[in-house]
Protein backbone atom coordinates (compact mmCIF):
# COMPACT_ATOMS: atom_id res chain seq x y z
CA MET A 1 30.65 77.09 2.88
CA LYS A 2 28.02 75.50 5.44
CA LEU A 3 30.14 73.36 7.36
CA PRO A 4 28.29 70.45 10.03
CA LYS A 5 27.30 71.35 13.22
CA THR A 6 29.25 68.60 15.06
CA ILE A 7 31.59 65.96 13.77
CA GLN A 8 32.12 62.44 15.23
CA ILE A 9 35.98 61.31 16.01
CA LEU A 10 35.78 58.13 17.57
CA ASN A 11 34.36 58.63 20.95
CA TYR A 12 34.25 62.32 20.68
CA THR A 13 31.58 64.47 19.18
CA PHE A 14 33.07 67.61 18.73
CA ASP A 15 30.75 70.83 17.66
CA ILE A 16 31.82 72.82 14.68
CA LYS A 17 32.14 76.71 15.28
CA ARG A 18 32.82 79.33 13.34
CA SER A 19 34.97 82.33 14.68
CA GLU A 20 36.92 85.50 13.46
CA ASP A 21 38.90 85.09 16.67
CA TYR A 22 40.90 81.67 15.44
CA TYR A 23 42.09 80.80 11.65
CA GLY A 24 41.72 76.87 13.25
CA HIS A 25 41.49 75.73 16.65
CA PHE A 26 40.30 72.50 18.65
CA GLU A 27 39.79 71.87 22.11
CA PHE A 28 38.94 68.88 24.08
CA SER A 29 37.07 70.73 26.63
CA ASP A 30 35.68 74.00 25.21
CA LYS A 31 35.36 76.44 28.40
CA ASP A 32 33.66 78.73 26.03
CA ASN A 33 31.13 76.02 24.74
CA LYS A 34 30.04 74.46 27.85
CA GLY A 35 33.21 72.11 28.38
CA LYS A 36 32.22 70.20 25.10
CA PRO A 37 34.67 69.40 22.70
CA THR A 38 34.92 72.15 19.99
CA ILE A 39 36.82 72.81 16.41
CA THR A 40 36.78 76.50 15.60
CA ILE A 41 37.01 77.40 11.87
CA ALA A 42 37.78 80.94 10.49
CA ASN A 43 34.74 82.66 10.10
CA ASP A 44 36.40 85.15 6.89
CA LYS A 45 34.14 85.61 4.22
CA GLU A 46 37.20 86.19 2.02
CA ARG A 47 38.16 82.89 2.40
CA SER A 48 37.39 80.17 -0.28
CA ASP A 49 35.70 77.01 0.14
CA SER A 50 38.94 74.94 -0.42
CA ILE A 51 40.81 76.83 2.42
CA ILE A 52 37.52 76.16 4.85
CA CYS A 53 37.67 72.41 4.02
CA GLU A 54 41.59 72.50 4.10
CA ILE A 55 41.25 74.17 7.66
CA LEU A 56 38.30 71.62 9.02
CA ILE A 57 40.64 68.69 7.38
CA HIS A 58 43.85 70.04 9.23
CA GLU A 59 42.06 70.09 12.74
CA VAL A 60 40.45 67.01 12.26
CA LEU A 61 43.62 65.10 11.39
CA GLU A 62 45.51 66.82 14.13
CA ILE A 63 42.94 65.75 16.64
CA ILE A 64 42.94 62.64 15.10
CA LEU A 65 46.91 61.97 15.42
CA GLU A 66 46.46 63.48 19.37
CA LEU A 67 44.03 60.67 19.97
CA LEU A 68 46.33 58.36 18.64
CA ARG A 69 49.40 59.62 20.84
CA VAL A 70 51.33 60.19 18.04
CA ARG A 71 51.60 64.31 18.34
CA TYR A 72 54.37 65.72 20.46
CA THR A 73 55.33 69.28 21.08
CA ALA A 74 58.36 69.94 19.25
CA PRO A 75 61.27 70.74 21.63
CA SER A 76 62.65 73.69 19.51
CA ASP A 77 59.66 75.75 19.33
CA ASP A 78 55.65 75.86 20.33
CA SER A 79 54.59 74.09 17.10
CA TYR A 80 54.14 70.19 16.81
CA GLU A 81 55.60 66.97 15.53
CA PHE A 82 54.17 63.96 14.75
CA HIS A 83 55.73 60.52 14.50
CA TYR A 84 53.63 57.30 13.45
CA THR A 85 54.14 54.29 11.19
CA HIS A 86 52.60 53.35 7.88
CA LYS A 87 50.30 51.20 9.94
CA GLU A 88 49.21 53.92 12.00
CA HIS A 89 48.86 56.34 8.87
CA ASP A 90 46.41 53.40 7.96
CA THR A 91 44.32 53.81 11.16
CA VAL A 92 44.44 57.56 10.71
CA SER A 93 43.01 57.24 7.23
CA LYS A 94 40.05 54.72 8.24
CA ILE A 95 39.43 57.53 11.30
CA LEU A 96 39.45 60.21 8.97
CA ALA A 97 36.90 58.43 6.35
CA ARG A 98 34.40 57.45 9.40
CA ALA A 99 34.43 61.43 10.23
CA LEU A 100 34.24 62.63 6.81
CA MET A 101 31.84 59.99 5.37
CA PRO A 102 28.52 62.18 6.88
CA MET A 103 29.27 64.84 5.29
CA PHE A 104 29.55 63.16 2.00
CA LYS A 105 26.31 61.30 2.42
CA GLU A 106 24.91 64.74 3.18
CA VAL A 107 26.30 66.26 -0.08
CA ASN A 108 25.09 63.28 -2.33
């Protein structure tokens, strides 16, 4: 699946990279990418386009939830929990739509 080179999320422009080292990963300051915000997506040719799209949306949503400060480290393990209201969910949806809209325009 061809992915865009960048994606704008609020005031951040994230470079999108492919890598065999990650399934999905993001950093606001990627030392391997000159300190730029980066989303890294699996470069596995065996993964279907729908899985690659799922990974990208997962990372974009997680970035949005981090920026809105509703992403927390789970007390029981090294994973994350998300706590927010329906009003905040509406905000998340608007930010996600704005971030993904350029990709839809490019396809159409």
